[in-house]
Amino acid sequence: MQINTLGIALAVTLATVTGCASTQRPVLYPNATLTRVGQPQAGRDIDDCMSRAESHGLTATGDTRVVRRGAEGAAAGAAAGAVRDGFDAADLNPTYRRFVQRCLRERGYEVIGWQ
């Protein structure tokens, strides 16, 4: 059985990009809303707000070229864009960040940062 190493490399690269982007999440202040609903529900609300931002065409990193190339299957472009030392709050797309924070604020949460 022959293994397609280029396909495997592309899959690992895209998983790395996706994994890095998904590690940055809002940190919530323990206000009355968070106390009332609890951490599990707050986590689901964060996931929902992040999904809503993405469904409106926003990406966490703001580098749509990497996402588009990866989606189109251009292994070279995705691999080149995926070589990163890490992903921190400074890398967040400011519009994506504001969208998620507003979504959470409308649900009664207070975002105090991203980790």
C-alpha atoms as a PDB file:
ATOM      1  CA  MET A   1       0.000   0.000   0.000  1.00  0.00           C
ATOM      2  CA  GLN A   2       1.495   3.299  -1.077  1.00  0.00           C
ATOM      3  CA  ILE A   3       1.182   6.266   1.263  1.00  0.00           C
ATOM      4  CA  ASN A   4       0.593   9.667  -0.250  1.00  0.00           C
ATOM      5  CA  THR A   5       3.164  11.695   1.725  1.00  0.00           C
ATOM      6  CA  LEU A   6       2.164  15.003   0.156  1.00  0.00           C
ATOM      7  CA  GLY A   7      -1.434  14.435   1.236  1.00  0.00           C
ATOM      8  CA  ILE A   8      -0.354  13.523   4.745  1.00  0.00           C
ATOM      9  CA  ALA A   9       1.928  16.567   4.938  1.00  0.00           C
ATOM     10  CA  LEU A  10      -0.914  18.820   3.805  1.00  0.00           C
ATOM     11  CA  ALA A  11      -3.304  17.319   6.340  1.00  0.00           C
ATOM     12  CA  VAL A  12      -0.807  17.788   9.178  1.00  0.00           C
ATOM     13  CA  THR A  13      -0.095  21.355   8.066  1.00  0.00           C
ATOM     14  CA  LEU A  14      -3.768  22.285   7.917  1.00  0.00           C
ATOM     15  CA  ALA A  15      -4.416  20.632  11.275  1.00  0.00           C
ATOM     16  CA  THR A  16      -1.574  22.674  12.739  1.00  0.00           C
ATOM     17  CA  VAL A  17      -2.971  25.934  11.375  1.00  0.00           C
ATOM     18  CA  THR A  18      -6.460  25.080  12.575  1.00  0.00           C
ATOM     19  CA  GLY A  19      -5.184  23.862  15.922  1.00  0.00           C
ATOM     20  CA  CYS A  20      -3.183  27.022  16.513  1.00  0.00           C
ATOM     21  CA  ALA A  21      -6.093  29.242  15.644  1.00  0.00           C
ATOM     22  CA  SER A  22      -8.434  27.362  17.919  1.00  0.00           C
ATOM     23  CA  THR A  23      -6.205  27.716  20.990  1.00  0.00           C
ATOM     24  CA  GLN A  24      -6.896  31.448  21.378  1.00  0.00           C
ATOM     25  CA  ARG A  25     -10.148  31.894  23.257  1.00  0.00           C
ATOM     26  CA  PRO A  26     -11.750  34.737  25.188  1.00  0.00           C
ATOM     27  CA  VAL A  27     -11.190  34.875  28.925  1.00  0.00           C
ATOM     28  CA  LEU A  28     -14.334  35.845  30.808  1.00  0.00           C
ATOM     29  CA  TYR A  29     -14.614  37.951  33.956  1.00  0.00           C
ATOM     30  CA  PRO A  30     -16.537  36.037  36.658  1.00  0.00           C
ATOM     31  CA  ASN A  31     -19.560  38.352  36.623  1.00  0.00           C
ATOM     32  CA  ALA A  32     -23.169  37.482  37.497  1.00  0.00           C
ATOM     33  CA  THR A  33     -23.856  35.925  34.088  1.00  0.00           C
ATOM     34  CA  LEU A  34     -20.871  33.580  34.235  1.00  0.00           C
ATOM     35  CA  THR A  35     -21.708  32.649  37.823  1.00  0.00           C
ATOM     36  CA  ARG A  36     -25.337  31.948  36.892  1.00  0.00           C
ATOM     37  CA  VAL A  37     -24.738  29.859  33.750  1.00  0.00           C
ATOM     38  CA  GLY A  38     -21.468  28.150  34.744  1.00  0.00           C
ATOM     39  CA  GLN A  39     -18.303  27.370  32.814  1.00  0.00           C
ATOM     40  CA  PRO A  40     -19.724  24.568  30.605  1.00  0.00           C
ATOM     41  CA  GLN A  41     -22.467  26.829  29.198  1.00  0.00           C
ATOM     42  CA  ALA A  42     -20.047  29.755  28.865  1.00  0.00           C
ATOM     43  CA  GLY A  43     -17.747  27.501  26.837  1.00  0.00           C
ATOM     44  CA  ARG A  44     -20.622  26.599  24.514  1.00  0.00           C
ATOM     45  CA  ASP A  45     -21.505  30.293  24.157  1.00  0.00           C
ATOM     46  CA  ILE A  46     -17.874  31.111  23.289  1.00  0.00           C
ATOM     47  CA  ASP A  47     -17.861  28.335  20.687  1.00  0.00           C
ATOM     48  CA  ASP A  48     -21.124  29.639  19.232  1.00  0.00           C
ATOM     49  CA  CYS A  49     -19.859  33.226  19.006  1.00  0.00           C
ATOM     50  CA  MET A  50     -16.620  32.081  17.360  1.00  0.00           C
ATOM     51  CA  SER A  51     -18.618  29.991  14.873  1.00  0.00           C
ATOM     52  CA  ARG A  52     -20.885  32.947  14.122  1.00  0.00           C
ATOM     53  CA  ALA A  53     -17.840  35.121  13.358  1.00  0.00           C
ATOM     54  CA  GLU A  54     -16.505  32.462  10.998  1.00  0.00           C
ATOM     55  CA  SER A  55     -19.904  32.044   9.331  1.00  0.00           C
ATOM     56  CA  HIS A  56     -19.774  35.768   8.551  1.00  0.00           C
ATOM     57  CA  GLY A  57     -16.484  35.290   6.701  1.00  0.00           C
ATOM     58  CA  LEU A  58     -14.093  36.276   9.471  1.00  0.00           C
ATOM     59  CA  THR A  59     -10.992  34.300  10.342  1.00  0.00           C
ATOM     60  CA  ALA A  60      -9.201  34.288  13.674  1.00  0.00           C
ATOM     61  CA  THR A  61      -5.809  35.157  12.242  1.00  0.00           C
ATOM     62  CA  GLY A  62      -6.958  37.509   9.520  1.00  0.00           C
ATOM     63  CA  ASP A  63      -4.704  35.748   7.004  1.00  0.00           C
ATOM     64  CA  THR A  64      -7.370  34.670   4.543  1.00  0.00           C
ATOM     65  CA  ARG A  65      -4.718  33.713   1.985  1.00  0.00           C
ATOM     66  CA  VAL A  66      -3.664  30.703   4.070  1.00  0.00           C
ATOM     67  CA  VAL A  67      -7.257  29.617   4.664  1.00  0.00           C
ATOM     68  CA  ARG A  68      -8.245  30.067   1.007  1.00  0.00           C
ATOM     69  CA  ARG A  69      -5.188  28.251  -0.319  1.00  0.00           C
ATOM     70  CA  GLY A  70      -5.694  25.417   2.122  1.00  0.00           C
ATOM     71  CA  ALA A  71      -9.343  25.102   1.151  1.00  0.00           C
ATOM     72  CA  GLU A  72      -8.411  25.038  -2.527  1.00  0.00           C
ATOM     73  CA  GLY A  73      -5.849  22.323  -1.883  1.00  0.00           C
ATOM     74  CA  ALA A  74      -2.754  24.331  -2.807  1.00  0.00           C
ATOM     75  CA  ALA A  75      -0.293  22.421  -0.660  1.00  0.00           C
ATOM     76  CA  ALA A  76       2.641  24.720  -1.329  1.00  0.00           C
ATOM     77  CA  GLY A  77       0.749  27.870  -0.351  1.00  0.00           C
ATOM     78  CA  ALA A  78      -0.721  26.313   2.768  1.00  0.00           C
ATOM     79  CA  ALA A  79       2.590  24.868   3.870  1.00  0.00           C
ATOM     80  CA  ALA A  80       4.372  28.188   3.374  1.00  0.00           C
ATOM     81  CA  GLY A  81       1.728  30.090   5.290  1.00  0.00           C
ATOM     82  CA  ALA A  82       1.517  27.548   8.076  1.00  0.00           C
ATOM     83  CA  VAL A  83       5.121  27.813   9.235  1.00  0.00           C
ATOM     84  CA  ARG A  84       4.689  29.860  12.381  1.00  0.00           C
ATOM     85  CA  ASP A  85       6.412  30.101  15.727  1.00  0.00           C
ATOM     86  CA  GLY A  86       3.109  30.294  17.555  1.00  0.00           C
ATOM     87  CA  PHE A  87      -0.187  32.078  17.777  1.00  0.00           C
ATOM     88  CA  ASP A  88      -0.884  34.731  20.355  1.00  0.00           C
ATOM     89  CA  ALA A  89      -3.394  37.509  20.940  1.00  0.00           C
ATOM     90  CA  ALA A  90      -1.336  39.893  18.811  1.00  0.00           C
ATOM     91  CA  ASP A  91      -2.002  37.612  15.819  1.00  0.00           C
ATOM     92  CA  LEU A  92      -5.780  37.796  16.217  1.00  0.00           C
ATOM     93  CA  ASN A  93      -7.726  39.485  13.472  1.00  0.00           C
ATOM     94  CA  PRO A  94      -9.065  42.593  15.284  1.00  0.00           C
ATOM     95  CA  THR A  95     -12.431  42.399  13.506  1.00  0.00           C
ATOM     96  CA  TYR A  96     -12.843  38.731  14.449  1.00  0.00           C
ATOM     97  CA  ARG A  97     -11.912  39.547  18.066  1.00  0.00           C
ATOM     98  CA  ARG A  98     -14.393  42.447  18.239  1.00  0.00           C
ATOM     99  CA  PHE A  99     -17.156  40.329  16.678  1.00  0.00           C
ATOM    100  CA  VAL A 100     -16.706  37.537  19.237  1.00  0.00           C
ATOM    101  CA  GLN A 101     -16.452  39.996  22.133  1.00  0.00           C
ATOM    102  CA  ARG A 102     -19.613  41.835  21.080  1.00  0.00           C
ATOM    103  CA  CYS A 103     -21.484  38.546  20.672  1.00  0.00           C
ATOM    104  CA  LEU A 104     -20.463  37.534  24.190  1.00  0.00           C
ATOM    105  CA  ARG A 105     -21.241  40.979  25.622  1.00  0.00           C
ATOM    106  CA  GLU A 106     -24.765  40.759  24.161  1.00  0.00           C
ATOM    107  CA  ARG A 107     -25.153  37.496  26.099  1.00  0.00           C
ATOM    108  CA  GLY A 108     -24.083  39.198  29.325  1.00  0.00           C
ATOM    109  CA  TYR A 109     -20.434  38.139  29.514  1.00  0.00           C
ATOM    110  CA  GLU A 110     -17.421  40.403  30.032  1.00  0.00           C
ATOM    111  CA  VAL A 111     -14.312  39.507  28.020  1.00  0.00           C
ATOM    112  CA  ILE A 112     -11.136  40.553  29.831  1.00  0.00           C
ATOM    113  CA  GLY A 113      -8.599  39.098  27.386  1.00  0.00           C
ATOM    114  CA  TRP A 114      -7.645  36.200  25.123  1.00  0.00           C
ATOM    115  CA  GLN A 115      -5.522  33.114  25.863  1.00  0.00           C
END
